Amino acid sequence: MSTKKSESSHSSHIRIAVTNISSELSFESANSPTEIKAAIATAFSSGSALILTDIRGHEIIVPADKIGYIEIGQPSERRVGFGAA
């Protein structure tokens, strides 16, 4: 039996700031942080677009020269109830 908690433990949360755009792109990807960093490095070195896929299978495409910053982290677990510390 698969649970959402075990599925999210293998995903990464990504935030991408695009130059001249006030909002950020924020999504979860099934790729590991190492795989994401490799895709970023390839996009920057070749000057091509950064192409990542979210957990729903949608592709996010951002031109490498328009990226302000990228934040990669693990998604936080949502706590339910009182006294969650």
N, C-alpha and C. Protein backbone atom coordinates (compact mmCIF):
# COMPACT_ATOMS: atom_id res chain seq x y z
N MET A 1 0.84 -1.18 0.00
CA MET A 1 0.00 0.00 0.00
C MET A 1 0.88 1.24 0.00
N SER A 2 0.59 2.14 -0.85
CA SER A 2 1.39 3.37 -0.98
C SER A 2 0.68 4.51 -0.26
N THR A 3 1.44 5.28 0.47
CA THR A 3 0.87 6.44 1.16
C THR A 3 1.49 7.70 0.61
N LYS A 4 0.79 8.80 0.78
CA LYS A 4 1.29 10.08 0.29
C LYS A 4 2.60 10.45 0.98
N LYS A 5 2.73 10.11 2.27
CA LYS A 5 3.94 10.44 3.01
C LYS A 5 5.16 9.78 2.39
N SER A 6 5.05 8.50 2.02
CA SER A 6 6.20 7.81 1.44
C SER A 6 6.49 8.30 0.03
N GLU A 7 5.45 8.71 -0.72
CA GLU A 7 5.69 9.23 -2.07
C GLU A 7 6.40 10.57 -2.02
N SER A 8 6.04 11.43 -1.05
CA SER A 8 6.64 12.75 -1.00
C SER A 8 8.07 12.73 -0.48
N SER A 9 8.48 11.63 0.15
CA SER A 9 9.84 11.57 0.68
C SER A 9 10.87 11.49 -0.43
N HIS A 10 10.44 11.14 -1.64
CA HIS A 10 11.36 11.03 -2.76
C HIS A 10 11.30 12.25 -3.68
N SER A 11 10.52 13.24 -3.34
CA SER A 11 10.38 14.40 -4.20
C SER A 11 11.17 15.59 -3.66
N SER A 12 11.36 16.55 -4.53
CA SER A 12 12.07 17.78 -4.18
C SER A 12 11.15 18.97 -4.46
N HIS A 13 11.20 19.97 -3.61
CA HIS A 13 10.44 21.20 -3.82
C HIS A 13 11.38 22.20 -4.50
N ILE A 14 10.90 22.81 -5.58
CA ILE A 14 11.72 23.72 -6.37
C ILE A 14 11.02 25.07 -6.49
N ARG A 15 11.79 26.14 -6.29
CA ARG A 15 11.31 27.50 -6.54
C ARG A 15 12.27 28.16 -7.50
N ILE A 16 11.72 28.73 -8.57
CA ILE A 16 12.54 29.40 -9.58
C ILE A 16 12.06 30.83 -9.73
N ALA A 17 12.97 31.77 -9.56
CA ALA A 17 12.67 33.18 -9.81
C ALA A 17 13.09 33.51 -11.24
N VAL A 18 12.16 34.10 -11.98
CA VAL A 18 12.43 34.49 -13.36
C VAL A 18 12.60 36.00 -13.39
N THR A 19 13.64 36.48 -14.08
CA THR A 19 13.91 37.92 -14.13
C THR A 19 12.73 38.67 -14.75
N ASN A 20 12.48 39.85 -14.21
CA ASN A 20 11.41 40.75 -14.65
C ASN A 20 10.00 40.19 -14.43
N ILE A 21 9.87 39.16 -13.61
CA ILE A 21 8.56 38.60 -13.24
C ILE A 21 8.47 38.65 -11.72
N SER A 22 7.37 39.18 -11.19
CA SER A 22 7.28 39.38 -9.73
C SER A 22 7.00 38.09 -8.96
N SER A 23 6.37 37.10 -9.58
CA SER A 23 6.08 35.86 -8.85
C SER A 23 7.10 34.79 -9.21
N GLU A 24 7.14 33.74 -8.39
CA GLU A 24 8.08 32.63 -8.60
C GLU A 24 7.34 31.42 -9.12
N LEU A 25 8.07 30.55 -9.77
CA LEU A 25 7.54 29.23 -10.13
C LEU A 25 7.83 28.32 -8.95
N SER A 26 6.83 27.65 -8.43
CA SER A 26 7.01 26.78 -7.28
C SER A 26 6.30 25.46 -7.56
N PHE A 27 7.05 24.35 -7.47
CA PHE A 27 6.47 23.05 -7.76
C PHE A 27 7.30 21.95 -7.12
N GLU A 28 6.75 20.73 -7.11
CA GLU A 28 7.47 19.56 -6.63
C GLU A 28 7.85 18.69 -7.80
N SER A 29 9.03 18.12 -7.72
CA SER A 29 9.53 17.24 -8.77
C SER A 29 9.90 15.90 -8.16
N ALA A 30 9.72 14.83 -8.92
CA ALA A 30 10.09 13.50 -8.45
C ALA A 30 11.60 13.28 -8.52
N ASN A 31 12.32 14.17 -9.19
CA ASN A 31 13.77 14.05 -9.32
C ASN A 31 14.47 14.38 -8.01
N SER A 32 15.65 13.82 -7.83
CA SER A 32 16.45 14.11 -6.65
C SER A 32 17.14 15.46 -6.82
N PRO A 33 17.57 16.08 -5.72
CA PRO A 33 18.30 17.35 -5.84
C PRO A 33 19.54 17.24 -6.73
N THR A 34 20.22 16.11 -6.71
CA THR A 34 21.40 15.90 -7.54
C THR A 34 21.04 15.93 -9.03
N GLU A 35 19.93 15.28 -9.40
CA GLU A 35 19.49 15.28 -10.79
C GLU A 35 19.06 16.68 -11.23
N ILE A 36 18.43 17.41 -10.34
CA ILE A 36 18.00 18.78 -10.65
C ILE A 36 19.20 19.69 -10.85
N LYS A 37 20.19 19.57 -9.97
CA LYS A 37 21.40 20.38 -10.10
C LYS A 37 22.12 20.09 -11.41
N ALA A 38 22.15 18.83 -11.82
CA ALA A 38 22.79 18.46 -13.08
C ALA A 38 22.06 19.09 -14.26
N ALA A 39 20.72 19.10 -14.24
CA ALA A 39 19.94 19.71 -15.31
C ALA A 39 20.18 21.22 -15.35
N ILE A 40 20.30 21.85 -14.18
CA ILE A 40 20.57 23.29 -14.10
C ILE A 40 21.95 23.60 -14.67
N ALA A 41 22.95 22.82 -14.26
CA ALA A 41 24.31 23.05 -14.75
C ALA A 41 24.39 22.89 -16.27
N THR A 42 23.70 21.90 -16.80
CA THR A 42 23.69 21.69 -18.25
C THR A 42 23.04 22.86 -18.98
N ALA A 43 21.91 23.34 -18.43
CA ALA A 43 21.22 24.47 -19.05
C ALA A 43 22.08 25.73 -19.03
N PHE A 44 22.75 26.00 -17.90
CA PHE A 44 23.60 27.19 -17.81
C PHE A 44 24.81 27.10 -18.73
N SER A 45 25.45 25.93 -18.78
CA SER A 45 26.67 25.80 -19.58
C SER A 45 26.37 25.84 -21.08
N SER A 46 25.23 25.32 -21.49
CA SER A 46 24.90 25.31 -22.91
C SER A 46 24.10 26.54 -23.35
N GLY A 47 23.57 27.29 -22.38
CA GLY A 47 22.76 28.46 -22.72
C GLY A 47 21.37 28.11 -23.22
N SER A 48 20.98 26.87 -23.02
CA SER A 48 19.66 26.43 -23.48
C SER A 48 18.63 26.59 -22.36
N ALA A 49 17.42 26.15 -22.61
CA ALA A 49 16.36 26.25 -21.60
C ALA A 49 16.50 25.16 -20.55
N LEU A 50 16.11 25.50 -19.33
CA LEU A 50 16.03 24.53 -18.25
C LEU A 50 14.67 23.86 -18.35
N ILE A 51 14.67 22.54 -18.45
CA ILE A 51 13.42 21.79 -18.58
C ILE A 51 13.33 20.82 -17.41
N LEU A 52 12.32 21.01 -16.56
CA LEU A 52 12.07 20.13 -15.43
C LEU A 52 10.63 19.63 -15.49
N THR A 53 10.36 18.49 -14.88
CA THR A 53 9.03 17.91 -14.86
C THR A 53 8.53 17.84 -13.43
N ASP A 54 7.28 18.29 -13.20
CA ASP A 54 6.72 18.23 -11.86
C ASP A 54 6.14 16.85 -11.58
N ILE A 55 5.63 16.65 -10.36
CA ILE A 55 5.15 15.33 -9.96
C ILE A 55 3.89 14.91 -10.70
N ARG A 56 3.24 15.83 -11.36
CA ARG A 56 2.03 15.50 -12.14
C ARG A 56 2.34 15.24 -13.61
N GLY A 57 3.61 15.36 -13.98
CA GLY A 57 4.01 15.11 -15.36
C GLY A 57 4.04 16.34 -16.25
N HIS A 58 3.80 17.52 -15.70
CA HIS A 58 3.85 18.76 -16.48
C HIS A 58 5.30 19.21 -16.62
N GLU A 59 5.66 19.68 -17.80
CA GLU A 59 7.01 20.20 -18.02
C GLU A 59 7.06 21.69 -17.76
N ILE A 60 8.09 22.12 -17.04
CA ILE A 60 8.34 23.53 -16.78
C ILE A 60 9.59 23.89 -17.58
N ILE A 61 9.47 24.87 -18.46
CA ILE A 61 10.58 25.26 -19.33
C ILE A 61 10.89 26.74 -19.09
N VAL A 62 12.13 27.02 -18.70
CA VAL A 62 12.56 28.39 -18.43
C VAL A 62 13.88 28.64 -19.15
N PRO A 63 13.98 29.71 -19.94
CA PRO A 63 15.26 30.03 -20.58
C PRO A 63 16.34 30.27 -19.51
N ALA A 64 17.50 29.69 -19.69
CA ALA A 64 18.56 29.77 -18.68
C ALA A 64 18.97 31.22 -18.41
N ASP A 65 18.95 32.07 -19.42
CA ASP A 65 19.38 33.46 -19.22
C ASP A 65 18.33 34.31 -18.51
N LYS A 66 17.15 33.77 -18.25
CA LYS A 66 16.09 34.50 -17.55
C LYS A 66 15.94 34.05 -16.09
N ILE A 67 16.77 33.11 -15.64
CA ILE A 67 16.67 32.60 -14.28
C ILE A 67 17.37 33.54 -13.31
N GLY A 68 16.63 34.01 -12.29
CA GLY A 68 17.21 34.86 -11.25
C GLY A 68 17.89 34.02 -10.19
N TYR A 69 17.16 33.04 -9.66
CA TYR A 69 17.73 32.07 -8.72
C TYR A 69 16.86 30.83 -8.70
N ILE A 70 17.43 29.75 -8.16
CA ILE A 70 16.70 28.49 -8.02
C ILE A 70 16.93 27.99 -6.60
N GLU A 71 15.86 27.63 -5.94
CA GLU A 71 15.93 27.06 -4.58
C GLU A 71 15.43 25.63 -4.64
N ILE A 72 16.24 24.71 -4.13
CA ILE A 72 15.88 23.29 -4.11
C ILE A 72 15.84 22.83 -2.67
N GLY A 73 14.77 22.17 -2.29
CA GLY A 73 14.66 21.67 -0.92
C GLY A 73 13.73 20.47 -0.86
N GLN A 74 13.62 19.93 0.31
CA GLN A 74 12.70 18.82 0.54
C GLN A 74 11.36 19.39 0.95
N PRO A 75 10.26 18.84 0.44
CA PRO A 75 8.95 19.34 0.85
C PRO A 75 8.72 19.08 2.33
N SER A 76 8.14 20.04 3.02
CA SER A 76 7.89 19.87 4.45
C SER A 76 6.58 19.11 4.65
N GLU A 77 6.57 18.29 5.68
CA GLU A 77 5.36 17.55 6.00
C GLU A 77 4.38 18.49 6.68
N ARG A 78 3.14 18.39 6.30
CA ARG A 78 2.12 19.21 6.93
C ARG A 78 1.70 18.54 8.22
N ARG A 79 1.71 19.31 9.28
CA ARG A 79 1.32 18.76 10.57
C ARG A 79 -0.13 19.13 10.87
N VAL A 80 -0.82 18.20 11.43
CA VAL A 80 -2.22 18.40 11.73
C VAL A 80 -2.43 18.25 13.22
N GLY A 81 -3.24 19.13 13.79
CA GLY A 81 -3.57 19.01 15.20
C GLY A 81 -2.90 20.06 16.05
N PHE A 82 -3.25 20.03 17.31
CA PHE A 82 -2.70 20.99 18.26
C PHE A 82 -1.39 20.46 18.83
N GLY A 83 -0.50 21.37 19.14
CA GLY A 83 0.76 21.02 19.79
C GLY A 83 1.77 20.38 18.85
N ALA A 84 1.59 20.53 17.55
CA ALA A 84 2.58 20.01 16.60
C ALA A 84 3.81 20.90 16.68
N ALA A 85 4.91 20.32 17.11
CA ALA A 85 6.13 21.12 17.28
C ALA A 85 7.26 20.60 16.44
